[in-house]
C-alpha atoms as a PDB file:
ATOM      1  CA  MET A   1      -6.519   9.833  20.683  1.00  0.00           C
ATOM      2  CA  ASN A   2      -9.668   8.539  19.025  1.00  0.00           C
ATOM      3  CA  ILE A   3     -10.871   5.251  17.505  1.00  0.00           C
ATOM      4  CA  PRO A   4      -9.748   6.041  13.919  1.00  0.00           C
ATOM      5  CA  ASN A   5      -6.240   6.856  15.183  1.00  0.00           C
ATOM      6  CA  LEU A   6      -6.194   3.698  17.291  1.00  0.00           C
ATOM      7  CA  LEU A   7      -7.103   1.657  14.202  1.00  0.00           C
ATOM      8  CA  THR A   8      -4.199   3.273  12.344  1.00  0.00           C
ATOM      9  CA  LEU A   9      -1.861   2.419  15.235  1.00  0.00           C
ATOM     10  CA  LEU A  10      -3.204  -1.147  15.136  1.00  0.00           C
ATOM     11  CA  ARG A  11      -2.008  -1.384  11.519  1.00  0.00           C
ATOM     12  CA  LEU A  12       1.486  -0.418  12.655  1.00  0.00           C
ATOM     13  CA  VAL A  13       1.416  -3.027  15.420  1.00  0.00           C
ATOM     14  CA  LEU A  14       0.282  -5.646  12.913  1.00  0.00           C
ATOM     15  CA  ILE A  15       3.466  -5.214  10.828  1.00  0.00           C
ATOM     16  CA  PRO A  16       5.842  -7.146  13.130  1.00  0.00           C
ATOM     17  CA  VAL A  17       3.028  -9.547  14.025  1.00  0.00           C
ATOM     18  CA  CYS A  18       2.470 -10.379  10.321  1.00  0.00           C
ATOM     19  CA  ILE A  19       6.187 -10.871   9.779  1.00  0.00           C
ATOM     20  CA  GLY A  20       6.533 -13.098  12.840  1.00  0.00           C
ATOM     21  CA  VAL A  21       3.508 -15.234  11.975  1.00  0.00           C
ATOM     22  CA  TYR A  22       4.611 -15.608   8.336  1.00  0.00           C
ATOM     23  CA  TYR A  23       7.882 -17.213   9.409  1.00  0.00           C
ATOM     24  CA  LEU A  24       6.345 -19.632  11.910  1.00  0.00           C
ATOM     25  CA  PRO A  25       7.139 -23.245  10.948  1.00  0.00           C
ATOM     26  CA  PHE A  26       3.487 -24.263  10.600  1.00  0.00           C
ATOM     27  CA  GLU A  27       1.342 -24.895   7.524  1.00  0.00           C
ATOM     28  CA  TRP A  28      -1.273 -22.440   8.751  1.00  0.00           C
ATOM     29  CA  SER A  29       1.189 -19.535   9.021  1.00  0.00           C
ATOM     30  CA  TYR A  30       0.490 -18.357   5.449  1.00  0.00           C
ATOM     31  CA  ILE A  31      -3.273 -18.247   5.953  1.00  0.00           C
ATOM     32  CA  ALA A  32      -2.884 -16.600   9.369  1.00  0.00           C
ATOM     33  CA  THR A  33      -0.604 -13.917   7.938  1.00  0.00           C
ATOM     34  CA  SER A  34      -3.038 -13.311   5.094  1.00  0.00           C
ATOM     35  CA  ALA A  35      -5.901 -12.987   7.605  1.00  0.00           C
ATOM     36  CA  LEU A  36      -3.906 -10.459   9.647  1.00  0.00           C
ATOM     37  CA  PHE A  37      -3.187  -8.508   6.467  1.00  0.00           C
ATOM     38  CA  VAL A  38      -6.935  -8.514   5.696  1.00  0.00           C
ATOM     39  CA  VAL A  39      -7.553  -7.050   9.164  1.00  0.00           C
ATOM     40  CA  ALA A  40      -5.011  -4.335   8.394  1.00  0.00           C
ATOM     41  CA  ALA A  41      -6.620  -3.611   5.009  1.00  0.00           C
ATOM     42  CA  VAL A  42     -10.074  -3.387   6.578  1.00  0.00           C
ATOM     43  CA  THR A  43      -8.841  -1.043   9.314  1.00  0.00           C
ATOM     44  CA  ASP A  44      -7.354   1.157   6.580  1.00  0.00           C
ATOM     45  CA  TRP A  45     -10.775   1.628   5.037  1.00  0.00           C
ATOM     46  CA  PHE A  46     -12.609   1.709   8.366  1.00  0.00           C
ATOM     47  CA  ASP A  47     -10.429   4.319  10.103  1.00  0.00           C
ATOM     48  CA  GLY A  48     -10.937   6.794   7.262  1.00  0.00           C
ATOM     49  CA  TYR A  49     -14.660   6.109   7.159  1.00  0.00           C
ATOM     50  CA  LEU A  50     -15.033   6.633  10.918  1.00  0.00           C
ATOM     51  CA  ALA A  51     -12.855   9.737  10.950  1.00  0.00           C
ATOM     52  CA  ARG A  52     -15.097  11.336   8.302  1.00  0.00           C
ATOM     53  CA  LYS A  53     -18.397  10.058   9.715  1.00  0.00           C
ATOM     54  CA  TRP A  54     -17.624  11.078  13.309  1.00  0.00           C
ATOM     55  CA  ASN A  55     -15.735  14.222  12.280  1.00  0.00           C
ATOM     56  CA  GLN A  56     -12.637  12.931  14.065  1.00  0.00           C
ATOM     57  CA  SER A  57      -9.990  13.706  11.486  1.00  0.00           C
ATOM     58  CA  THR A  58      -6.806  14.831  13.180  1.00  0.00           C
ATOM     59  CA  PRO A  59      -3.423  16.036  11.942  1.00  0.00           C
ATOM     60  CA  PHE A  60      -1.875  12.982  13.646  1.00  0.00           C
ATOM     61  CA  GLY A  61      -4.220  10.638  11.777  1.00  0.00           C
ATOM     62  CA  ALA A  62      -3.736  12.460   8.468  1.00  0.00           C
ATOM     63  CA  PHE A  63       0.022  12.007   8.862  1.00  0.00           C
ATOM     64  CA  LEU A  64       0.077   8.462  10.237  1.00  0.00           C
ATOM     65  CA  ASP A  65      -2.576   6.801   8.048  1.00  0.00           C
ATOM     66  CA  PRO A  66      -0.634   6.895   4.758  1.00  0.00           C
ATOM     67  CA  VAL A  67       2.591   5.999   6.578  1.00  0.00           C
ATOM     68  CA  ALA A  68       0.975   2.911   8.118  1.00  0.00           C
ATOM     69  CA  ASP A  69      -0.480   1.911   4.741  1.00  0.00           C
ATOM     70  CA  LYS A  70       2.840   2.149   2.966  1.00  0.00           C
ATOM     71  CA  LEU A  71       4.782   0.375   5.716  1.00  0.00           C
ATOM     72  CA  ILE A  72       2.514  -2.658   5.915  1.00  0.00           C
ATOM     73  CA  VAL A  73       2.447  -3.028   2.116  1.00  0.00           C
ATOM     74  CA  ALA A  74       6.230  -2.663   1.891  1.00  0.00           C
ATOM     75  CA  ALA A  75       6.777  -5.178   4.703  1.00  0.00           C
ATOM     76  CA  ALA A  76       4.449  -7.696   3.045  1.00  0.00           C
ATOM     77  CA  LEU A  77       6.142  -7.256  -0.326  1.00  0.00           C
ATOM     78  CA  ILE A  78       9.599  -7.665   1.203  1.00  0.00           C
ATOM     79  CA  ILE A  79       8.736 -10.960   2.908  1.00  0.00           C
ATOM     80  CA  LEU A  80       7.087 -12.186  -0.285  1.00  0.00           C
ATOM     81  CA  VAL A  81      10.152 -11.293  -2.373  1.00  0.00           C
ATOM     82  CA  GLU A  82      12.361 -13.126   0.108  1.00  0.00           C
ATOM     83  CA  ASN A  83      10.142 -16.215   0.131  1.00  0.00           C
ATOM     84  CA  TYR A  84       9.267 -16.473  -3.561  1.00  0.00           C
ATOM     85  CA  HIS A  85      12.745 -15.835  -5.013  1.00  0.00           C
ATOM     86  CA  SER A  86      11.211 -14.781  -8.334  1.00  0.00           C
ATOM     87  CA  ILE A  87      11.985 -11.900 -10.623  1.00  0.00           C
ATOM     88  CA  TRP A  88       8.266 -11.938 -11.539  1.00  0.00           C
ATOM     89  CA  LEU A  89       7.465 -10.906  -7.978  1.00  0.00           C
ATOM     90  CA  THR A  90      10.567  -8.808  -7.297  1.00  0.00           C
ATOM     91  CA  ILE A  91      10.104  -6.394 -10.206  1.00  0.00           C
ATOM     92  CA  PRO A  92       6.458  -5.578  -9.348  1.00  0.00           C
ATOM     93  CA  ALA A  93       7.436  -5.173  -5.681  1.00  0.00           C
ATOM     94  CA  VAL A  94      10.194  -2.710  -6.573  1.00  0.00           C
ATOM     95  CA  ILE A  95       7.810  -0.808  -8.857  1.00  0.00           C
ATOM     96  CA  ILE A  96       5.127  -0.602  -6.158  1.00  0.00           C
ATOM     97  CA  ILE A  97       7.488   0.444  -3.359  1.00  0.00           C
ATOM     98  CA  GLY A  98       9.348   2.858  -5.637  1.00  0.00           C
ATOM     99  CA  ARG A  99       6.123   4.488  -6.791  1.00  0.00           C
ATOM    100  CA  GLU A 100       5.004   4.986  -3.202  1.00  0.00           C
ATOM    101  CA  ILE A 101       8.251   6.798  -2.416  1.00  0.00           C
ATOM    102  CA  VAL A 102       8.012   8.984  -5.524  1.00  0.00           C
ATOM    103  CA  ILE A 103       4.359   9.908  -5.024  1.00  0.00           C
ATOM    104  CA  SER A 104       4.816  10.560  -1.294  1.00  0.00           C
ATOM    105  CA  ALA A 105       7.674  12.926  -2.086  1.00  0.00           C
ATOM    106  CA  LEU A 106       5.646  14.545  -4.868  1.00  0.00           C
ATOM    107  CA  ARG A 107       2.647  15.088  -2.570  1.00  0.00           C
ATOM    108  CA  GLU A 108       4.849  16.577   0.136  1.00  0.00           C
ATOM    109  CA  TRP A 109       6.503  18.906  -2.345  1.00  0.00           C
ATOM    110  CA  MET A 110       3.180  19.915  -3.907  1.00  0.00           C
ATOM    111  CA  ALA A 111       1.809  20.631  -0.416  1.00  0.00           C
ATOM    112  CA  GLU A 112       4.718  23.005   0.172  1.00  0.00           C
ATOM    113  CA  LEU A 113       3.673  24.815  -3.011  1.00  0.00           C
ATOM    114  CA  GLY A 114       0.049  24.918  -1.822  1.00  0.00           C
ATOM    115  CA  SER A 115      -1.058  22.650  -4.676  1.00  0.00           C
ATOM    116  CA  ARG A 116      -1.449  19.259  -3.026  1.00  0.00           C
ATOM    117  CA  ALA A 117      -4.970  18.937  -4.457  1.00  0.00           C
ATOM    118  CA  SER A 118      -3.346  18.513  -7.902  1.00  0.00           C
ATOM    119  CA  VAL A 119      -2.026  15.131  -6.777  1.00  0.00           C
ATOM    120  CA  ALA A 120      -4.854  14.013  -4.505  1.00  0.00           C
ATOM    121  CA  VAL A 121      -5.911  10.360  -4.519  1.00  0.00           C
ATOM    122  CA  ASN A 122      -7.998   9.551  -7.593  1.00  0.00           C
ATOM    123  CA  ASN A 123     -10.078   6.581  -8.750  1.00  0.00           C
ATOM    124  CA  LEU A 124      -7.164   5.001 -10.630  1.00  0.00           C
ATOM    125  CA  GLY A 125      -5.149   5.059  -7.394  1.00  0.00           C
ATOM    126  CA  LYS A 126      -8.033   3.381  -5.569  1.00  0.00           C
ATOM    127  CA  ILE A 127      -8.321   0.661  -8.217  1.00  0.00           C
ATOM    128  CA  LYS A 128      -4.551   0.146  -8.086  1.00  0.00           C
ATOM    129  CA  THR A 129      -4.675  -0.175  -4.313  1.00  0.00           C
ATOM    130  CA  THR A 130      -7.537  -2.681  -4.444  1.00  0.00           C
ATOM    131  CA  VAL A 131      -5.783  -4.917  -6.999  1.00  0.00           C
ATOM    132  CA  GLN A 132      -2.526  -4.616  -5.048  1.00  0.00           C
ATOM    133  CA  MET A 133      -4.152  -5.557  -1.722  1.00  0.00           C
ATOM    134  CA  VAL A 134      -5.986  -8.540  -3.240  1.00  0.00           C
ATOM    135  CA  ALA A 135      -2.732  -9.733  -4.846  1.00  0.00           C
ATOM    136  CA  ILE A 136      -0.821  -9.429  -1.566  1.00  0.00           C
ATOM    137  CA  ILE A 137      -3.573 -11.218   0.364  1.00  0.00           C
ATOM    138  CA  ILE A 138      -3.517 -14.106  -2.132  1.00  0.00           C
ATOM    139  CA  LEU A 139       0.288 -14.299  -2.167  1.00  0.00           C
ATOM    140  CA  LEU A 140       0.553 -14.218   1.629  1.00  0.00           C
ATOM    141  CA  SER A 141      -1.989 -17.035   1.908  1.00  0.00           C
ATOM    142  CA  GLN A 142      -0.109 -19.474  -0.337  1.00  0.00           C
ATOM    143  CA  ALA A 143       3.194 -21.280  -0.386  1.00  0.00           C
ATOM    144  CA  PRO A 144       5.300 -20.404  -3.438  1.00  0.00           C
ATOM    145  CA  GLY A 145       4.445 -22.521  -6.476  1.00  0.00           C
ATOM    146  CA  SER A 146       0.775 -23.097  -5.720  1.00  0.00           C
ATOM    147  CA  VAL A 147      -1.806 -22.550  -8.460  1.00  0.00           C
ATOM    148  CA  ILE A 148      -3.598 -19.917  -6.399  1.00  0.00           C
ATOM    149  CA  GLY A 149      -0.225 -18.266  -5.772  1.00  0.00           C
ATOM    150  CA  TYR A 150       0.150 -17.811  -9.542  1.00  0.00           C
ATOM    151  CA  VAL A 151      -3.179 -15.951  -9.568  1.00  0.00           C
ATOM    152  CA  GLY A 152      -1.742 -13.670  -6.888  1.00  0.00           C
ATOM    153  CA  LEU A 153       1.455 -13.237  -8.877  1.00  0.00           C
ATOM    154  CA  VAL A 154      -0.426 -12.234 -12.033  1.00  0.00           C
ATOM    155  CA  SER A 155      -2.584  -9.898  -9.935  1.00  0.00           C
ATOM    156  CA  LEU A 156       0.550  -8.286  -8.489  1.00  0.00           C
ATOM    157  CA  GLN A 157       1.931  -7.801 -11.986  1.00  0.00           C
ATOM    158  CA  LEU A 158      -1.356  -6.150 -12.999  1.00  0.00           C
ATOM    159  CA  ALA A 159      -1.105  -3.973  -9.871  1.00  0.00           C
ATOM    160  CA  SER A 160       2.400  -2.918 -10.919  1.00  0.00           C
ATOM    161  CA  VAL A 161       1.122  -1.858 -14.352  1.00  0.00           C
ATOM    162  CA  LEU A 162      -1.663   0.134 -12.679  1.00  0.00           C
ATOM    163  CA  THR A 163       0.962   1.523 -10.305  1.00  0.00           C
ATOM    164  CA  LEU A 164       3.071   2.849 -13.176  1.00  0.00           C
ATOM    165  CA  TRP A 165      -0.005   4.220 -14.914  1.00  0.00           C
ATOM    166  CA  SER A 166      -1.204   6.033 -11.794  1.00  0.00           C
ATOM    167  CA  MET A 167       2.296   7.417 -11.196  1.00  0.00           C
ATOM    168  CA  ILE A 168       2.318   8.827 -14.724  1.00  0.00           C
ATOM    169  CA  VAL A 169      -1.102  10.415 -14.114  1.00  0.00           C
ATOM    170  CA  TYR A 170       0.159  12.049 -10.903  1.00  0.00           C
ATOM    171  CA  LEU A 171       3.409  13.224 -12.513  1.00  0.00           C
ATOM    172  CA  ARG A 172       1.514  14.693 -15.471  1.00  0.00           C
ATOM    173  CA  ALA A 173      -0.756  16.570 -13.055  1.00  0.00           C
ATOM    174  CA  ALA A 174       2.322  18.046 -11.372  1.00  0.00           C
ATOM    175  CA  TRP A 175       4.426  18.468 -14.530  1.00  0.00           C
ATOM    176  CA  SER A 176       3.906  22.212 -14.867  1.00  0.00           C
ATOM    177  CA  TYR A 177       5.208  22.610 -11.303  1.00  0.00           C
ATOM    178  CA  LEU A 178       8.113  20.229 -11.855  1.00  0.00           C
ATOM    179  CA  MET A 179       9.197  21.757 -15.174  1.00  0.00           C
ATOM    180  CA  PRO A 180       8.024  25.376 -15.255  1.00  0.00           C
ATOM    181  CA  LYS A 181       8.422  27.133 -18.579  1.00  0.00           C
ATOM    182  CA  ALA A 182      11.080  29.811 -18.645  1.00  0.00           C
ATOM    183  CA  SER A 183       9.657  33.286 -19.033  1.00  0.00           C
END
Protein backbone atom coordinates (compact mmCIF):
# COMPACT_ATOMS: atom_id res chain seq x y z
CA MET A 1 0.00 0.00 0.00
CA ASN A 2 1.35 3.41 -0.95
CA ILE A 3 0.11 7.02 -0.85
CA PRO A 4 -1.37 7.03 -4.39
CA ASN A 5 -3.37 3.88 -3.58
CA LEU A 6 -4.50 5.38 -0.28
CA LEU A 7 -5.74 8.46 -2.14
CA THR A 8 -7.71 6.20 -4.48
CA LEU A 9 -9.22 4.38 -1.48
CA LEU A 10 -10.09 7.78 0.01
CA ARG A 11 -12.18 8.49 -3.10
CA LEU A 12 -14.13 5.29 -2.47
CA VAL A 13 -14.69 6.23 1.17
CA LEU A 14 -15.90 9.67 0.09
CA ILE A 15 -18.79 8.16 -1.93
CA PRO A 16 -21.07 7.30 1.03
CA VAL A 17 -19.86 10.41 2.87
CA CYS A 18 -20.91 12.63 -0.08
CA ILE A 19 -24.28 10.92 -0.29
CA GLY A 20 -24.89 11.24 3.45
CA VAL A 21 -23.87 14.90 3.59
CA TYR A 22 -25.97 15.77 0.52
CA TYR A 23 -29.14 14.56 2.24
CA LEU A 24 -28.51 16.35 5.54
CA PRO A 25 -31.35 18.79 6.31
CA PHE A 26 -29.08 21.85 6.40
CA GLU A 27 -28.58 24.67 3.91
CA TRP A 28 -24.84 24.07 3.87
CA SER A 29 -25.16 20.41 2.84
CA TYR A 30 -24.98 21.24 -0.89
CA ILE A 31 -21.79 23.26 -0.54
CA ALA A 32 -20.25 20.65 1.78
CA THR A 33 -21.03 17.86 -0.67
CA SER A 34 -19.57 19.89 -3.52
CA ALA A 35 -16.41 20.51 -1.46
CA LEU A 36 -16.07 16.78 -0.74
CA PHE A 37 -16.49 16.06 -4.44
CA VAL A 38 -13.72 18.61 -5.18
CA VAL A 39 -11.47 16.72 -2.75
CA ALA A 40 -12.26 13.51 -4.62
CA ALA A 41 -11.54 15.15 -7.99
CA VAL A 42 -8.23 16.53 -6.74
CA THR A 43 -7.18 13.15 -5.32
CA ASP A 44 -7.96 11.63 -8.73
CA TRP A 45 -5.42 13.91 -10.37
CA PHE A 46 -2.98 13.80 -7.46
CA ASP A 47 -2.82 10.00 -7.04
CA GLY A 48 -1.89 9.53 -10.70
CA TYR A 49 0.68 12.31 -10.54
CA LEU A 50 2.31 10.85 -7.42
CA ALA A 51 2.25 7.30 -8.75
CA ARG A 52 4.15 8.44 -11.86
CA LYS A 53 6.49 10.86 -10.07
CA TRP A 54 7.43 8.41 -7.31
CA ASN A 55 7.32 5.37 -9.61
CA GLN A 56 4.67 3.80 -7.39
CA SER A 57 2.25 2.54 -10.01
CA THR A 58 0.80 -0.78 -8.95
CA PRO A 59 -1.60 -3.26 -10.55
CA PHE A 60 -3.99 -2.61 -7.64
CA GLY A 61 -3.90 1.14 -8.29
CA ALA A 62 -4.24 0.70 -12.06
CA PHE A 63 -7.37 -1.39 -11.45
CA LEU A 64 -8.92 0.63 -8.63
CA ASP A 65 -8.32 4.19 -9.88
CA PRO A 66 -10.74 4.10 -12.84
CA VAL A 67 -13.27 2.15 -10.76
CA ALA A 68 -13.21 4.80 -8.02
CA ASP A 69 -13.54 7.57 -10.62
CA LYS A 70 -16.55 6.01 -12.26
CA LEU A 71 -18.28 5.15 -8.98
CA ILE A 72 -18.04 8.62 -7.48
CA VAL A 73 -19.26 10.25 -10.71
CA ALA A 74 -22.13 7.78 -11.02
CA ALA A 75 -23.13 8.26 -7.37
CA ALA A 76 -23.09 12.05 -7.76
CA LEU A 77 -25.15 11.89 -10.94
CA ILE A 78 -27.69 9.56 -9.34
CA ILE A 79 -28.29 11.84 -6.36
CA LEU A 80 -28.54 14.83 -8.68
CA VAL A 81 -31.08 13.06 -10.91
CA GLU A 82 -33.13 12.17 -7.84
CA ASN A 83 -33.01 15.72 -6.46
CA TYR A 84 -33.49 17.72 -9.66
CA HIS A 85 -36.32 15.66 -11.20
CA SER A 86 -35.47 17.00 -14.66
CA ILE A 87 -35.19 15.27 -17.98
CA TRP A 88 -32.51 17.86 -18.84
CA LEU A 89 -30.31 16.37 -16.13
CA THR A 90 -31.47 12.75 -16.42
CA ILE A 91 -30.62 12.32 -20.10
CA PRO A 92 -27.04 13.65 -19.76
CA ALA A 93 -26.57 11.48 -16.65
CA VAL A 94 -27.70 8.36 -18.51
CA ILE A 95 -25.42 9.24 -21.43
CA ILE A 96 -22.42 9.78 -19.15
CA ILE A 97 -22.95 6.62 -17.09
CA GLY A 98 -23.77 4.57 -20.18
CA ARG A 99 -20.66 5.76 -21.98
CA GLU A 100 -18.49 4.82 -19.02
CA ILE A 101 -19.88 1.29 -19.08
CA VAL A 102 -19.39 0.95 -22.84
CA ILE A 103 -15.85 2.33 -22.86
CA SER A 104 -14.81 0.29 -19.81
CA ALA A 105 -16.04 -2.86 -21.54
CA LEU A 106 -14.34 -1.82 -24.78
CA ARG A 107 -11.02 -1.20 -23.01
CA GLU A 108 -11.21 -4.54 -21.23
CA TRP A 109 -11.98 -6.34 -24.47
CA MET A 110 -9.23 -4.50 -26.36
CA ALA A 111 -6.77 -5.40 -23.58
CA GLU A 112 -7.65 -9.07 -24.08
CA LEU A 113 -6.74 -8.62 -27.75
CA GLY A 114 -3.47 -6.91 -26.78
CA SER A 115 -4.61 -3.63 -28.33
CA ARG A 116 -5.65 -1.54 -25.34
CA ALA A 117 -3.42 1.32 -26.53
CA SER A 118 -5.91 1.84 -29.40
CA VAL A 119 -8.46 3.07 -26.86
CA ALA A 120 -6.17 4.79 -24.36
CA VAL A 121 -7.29 8.05 -22.76
CA ASN A 122 -6.93 10.96 -25.17
CA ASN A 123 -7.19 14.75 -24.90
CA LEU A 124 -10.89 14.77 -25.84
CA GLY A 125 -11.55 12.38 -22.94
CA LYS A 126 -9.64 14.69 -20.60
CA ILE A 127 -11.62 17.74 -21.75
CA LYS A 128 -14.86 15.78 -21.35
CA THR A 129 -13.87 14.76 -17.83
CA THR A 130 -12.97 18.34 -16.87
CA VAL A 131 -16.29 19.76 -18.13
CA GLN A 132 -18.17 16.90 -16.47
CA MET A 133 -16.44 17.39 -13.10
CA VAL A 134 -17.01 21.17 -13.14
CA ALA A 135 -20.69 20.61 -14.00
CA ILE A 136 -21.12 18.09 -11.18
CA ILE A 137 -19.35 20.36 -8.69
CA ILE A 138 -21.65 23.27 -9.63
CA LEU A 139 -24.79 21.11 -9.52
CA LEU A 140 -23.89 19.57 -6.16
CA SER A 141 -23.30 23.03 -4.68
CA GLN A 142 -26.73 24.42 -5.57
CA ALA A 143 -30.34 23.73 -4.76
CA PRO A 144 -32.41 22.89 -7.85
CA GLY A 145 -33.72 25.98 -9.63
CA SER A 146 -30.89 28.35 -8.74
CA VAL A 147 -29.32 30.48 -11.48
CA ILE A 148 -25.90 28.96 -10.84
CA GLY A 149 -27.52 25.52 -10.97
CA TYR A 150 -28.64 26.28 -14.54
CA VAL A 151 -25.00 26.98 -15.44
CA GLY A 152 -24.16 23.54 -14.05
CA LEU A 153 -27.03 21.99 -15.97
CA VAL A 154 -25.89 23.51 -19.27
CA SER A 155 -22.33 22.41 -18.47
CA LEU A 156 -23.55 18.86 -17.86
CA GLN A 157 -25.37 18.90 -21.18
CA LEU A 158 -22.16 20.06 -22.87
CA ALA A 159 -20.31 17.26 -21.05
CA SER A 160 -22.83 14.75 -22.41
CA VAL A 161 -22.21 15.96 -25.97
CA LEU A 162 -18.45 15.64 -25.41
CA THR A 163 -19.13 12.23 -23.87
CA LEU A 164 -20.90 11.00 -27.00
CA TRP A 165 -18.21 12.49 -29.21
CA SER A 166 -15.41 10.83 -27.25
CA MET A 167 -17.28 7.51 -27.29
CA ILE A 168 -17.54 7.72 -31.07
CA VAL A 169 -13.79 8.45 -31.29
CA TYR A 170 -13.01 5.39 -29.13
CA LEU A 171 -15.42 3.15 -31.05
CA ARG A 172 -13.96 4.28 -34.38
CA ALA A 173 -10.47 3.46 -33.09
CA ALA A 174 -11.65 -0.04 -32.21
CA TRP A 175 -13.99 -0.52 -35.19
CA SER A 176 -11.66 -2.76 -37.18
CA TYR A 177 -11.48 -5.08 -34.15
CA LEU A 178 -15.22 -4.94 -33.54
CA MET A 179 -16.20 -5.53 -37.17
CA PRO A 180 -13.35 -7.38 -38.88
CA LYS A 181 -13.66 -7.72 -42.64
CA ALA A 182 -14.36 -11.22 -43.86
CA SER A 183 -11.47 -12.71 -45.78
